[in-house]
């Protein structure tokens, strides 16, 4: 993973490109996952929370669409 900064490019825009690439490749998430042992039950709880959040958002969107 690398970002080449062009001669006429602002450093902030290059950093934004680098950040987008890091987020796209999920580098931070994988490093966090590998740094500590995560129990299977904790993963299941996390998945359940994410699905509940999506369900709430869908329901509110459906109510607003009516």
C-alpha atoms as a PDB file:
ATOM      1  CA  UNK A   1       0.000   0.000   0.000  1.00  0.00           C
ATOM      2  CA  UNK A   2       1.481   3.319  -1.045  1.00  0.00           C
ATOM      3  CA  UNK A   3       0.405   6.779  -2.089  1.00  0.00           C
ATOM      4  CA  UNK A   4       2.567   8.834  -4.412  1.00  0.00           C
ATOM      5  CA  UNK A   5       2.397  12.583  -3.779  1.00  0.00           C
ATOM      6  CA  UNK A   6       2.534  14.494  -7.041  1.00  0.00           C
ATOM      7  CA  UNK A   7       4.496  17.702  -7.450  1.00  0.00           C
ATOM      8  CA  UNK A   8       1.477  20.018  -7.639  1.00  0.00           C
ATOM      9  CA  UNK A   9      -0.653  18.095  -5.114  1.00  0.00           C
ATOM     10  CA  UNK A  10      -1.523  19.273  -1.631  1.00  0.00           C
ATOM     11  CA  UNK A  11      -0.268  17.006   1.164  1.00  0.00           C
ATOM     12  CA  UNK A  12      -3.732  16.944   2.744  1.00  0.00           C
ATOM     13  CA  UNK A  13      -5.315  15.450  -0.360  1.00  0.00           C
ATOM     14  CA  UNK A  14      -2.580  12.804  -0.489  1.00  0.00           C
ATOM     15  CA  UNK A  15      -3.274  11.941   3.146  1.00  0.00           C
ATOM     16  CA  UNK A  16      -6.971  11.654   2.345  1.00  0.00           C
ATOM     17  CA  UNK A  17      -6.156   9.226  -0.465  1.00  0.00           C
ATOM     18  CA  UNK A  18      -3.986   7.200   1.910  1.00  0.00           C
ATOM     19  CA  UNK A  19      -6.761   7.126   4.503  1.00  0.00           C
ATOM     20  CA  UNK A  20      -9.297   5.959   1.904  1.00  0.00           C
ATOM     21  CA  UNK A  21      -6.965   3.171   0.840  1.00  0.00           C
ATOM     22  CA  UNK A  22      -6.400   2.073   4.443  1.00  0.00           C
ATOM     23  CA  UNK A  23     -10.158   2.013   5.058  1.00  0.00           C
ATOM     24  CA  UNK A  24     -10.812   0.139   1.812  1.00  0.00           C
ATOM     25  CA  UNK A  25      -8.295  -2.588   2.646  1.00  0.00           C
ATOM     26  CA  UNK A  26      -9.460  -2.775   6.298  1.00  0.00           C
ATOM     27  CA  UNK A  27      -5.883  -2.625   7.600  1.00  0.00           C
ATOM     28  CA  UNK A  28      -6.724  -1.144  11.006  1.00  0.00           C
ATOM     29  CA  UNK A  29      -9.523  -3.626  11.638  1.00  0.00           C
ATOM     30  CA  UNK A  30      -7.383  -6.638  10.831  1.00  0.00           C
ATOM     31  CA  UNK A  31      -4.527  -5.389  13.006  1.00  0.00           C
ATOM     32  CA  UNK A  32      -6.926  -4.901  15.938  1.00  0.00           C
ATOM     33  CA  UNK A  33      -8.387  -8.362  15.407  1.00  0.00           C
ATOM     34  CA  UNK A  34      -4.952  -9.968  15.381  1.00  0.00           C
ATOM     35  CA  UNK A  35      -3.555  -7.978  18.307  1.00  0.00           C
ATOM     36  CA  UNK A  36      -5.911  -9.514  20.873  1.00  0.00           C
ATOM     37  CA  UNK A  37      -7.777 -12.775  21.160  1.00  0.00           C
ATOM     38  CA  UNK A  38     -11.496 -12.263  20.614  1.00  0.00           C
ATOM     39  CA  UNK A  39     -13.846 -14.877  21.992  1.00  0.00           C
ATOM     40  CA  UNK A  40     -16.445 -16.411  19.696  1.00  0.00           C
ATOM     41  CA  UNK A  41     -19.260 -15.184  21.925  1.00  0.00           C
ATOM     42  CA  UNK A  42     -17.991 -11.606  21.685  1.00  0.00           C
ATOM     43  CA  UNK A  43     -18.033 -11.826  17.889  1.00  0.00           C
ATOM     44  CA  UNK A  44     -21.587 -13.119  17.945  1.00  0.00           C
ATOM     45  CA  UNK A  45     -22.658 -10.291  20.257  1.00  0.00           C
ATOM     46  CA  UNK A  46     -21.028  -7.752  17.948  1.00  0.00           C
ATOM     47  CA  UNK A  47     -22.808  -9.212  14.896  1.00  0.00           C
ATOM     48  CA  UNK A  48     -26.130  -9.192  16.739  1.00  0.00           C
ATOM     49  CA  UNK A  49     -25.676  -5.520  17.633  1.00  0.00           C
ATOM     50  CA  UNK A  50     -24.844  -4.591  14.033  1.00  0.00           C
ATOM     51  CA  UNK A  51     -27.898  -6.440  12.701  1.00  0.00           C
ATOM     52  CA  UNK A  52     -30.105  -4.790  15.321  1.00  0.00           C
ATOM     53  CA  UNK A  53     -28.795  -1.374  14.287  1.00  0.00           C
ATOM     54  CA  UNK A  54     -29.502  -2.110  10.606  1.00  0.00           C
ATOM     55  CA  UNK A  55     -32.975  -3.370  11.496  1.00  0.00           C
ATOM     56  CA  UNK A  56     -33.756  -0.171  13.426  1.00  0.00           C
ATOM     57  CA  UNK A  57     -32.541   1.971  10.533  1.00  0.00           C
ATOM     58  CA  UNK A  58     -34.624   0.042   8.010  1.00  0.00           C
ATOM     59  CA  UNK A  59     -37.728   0.326  10.159  1.00  0.00           C
ATOM     60  CA  UNK A  60     -37.336   4.064  10.659  1.00  0.00           C
ATOM     61  CA  UNK A  61     -36.679   4.548   6.949  1.00  0.00           C
ATOM     62  CA  UNK A  62     -39.782   2.535   6.084  1.00  0.00           C
ATOM     63  CA  UNK A  63     -41.873   4.588   8.525  1.00  0.00           C
ATOM     64  CA  UNK A  64     -40.584   7.845   7.084  1.00  0.00           C
ATOM     65  CA  UNK A  65     -41.243   6.676   3.527  1.00  0.00           C
ATOM     66  CA  UNK A  66     -44.977   6.229   4.254  1.00  0.00           C
END
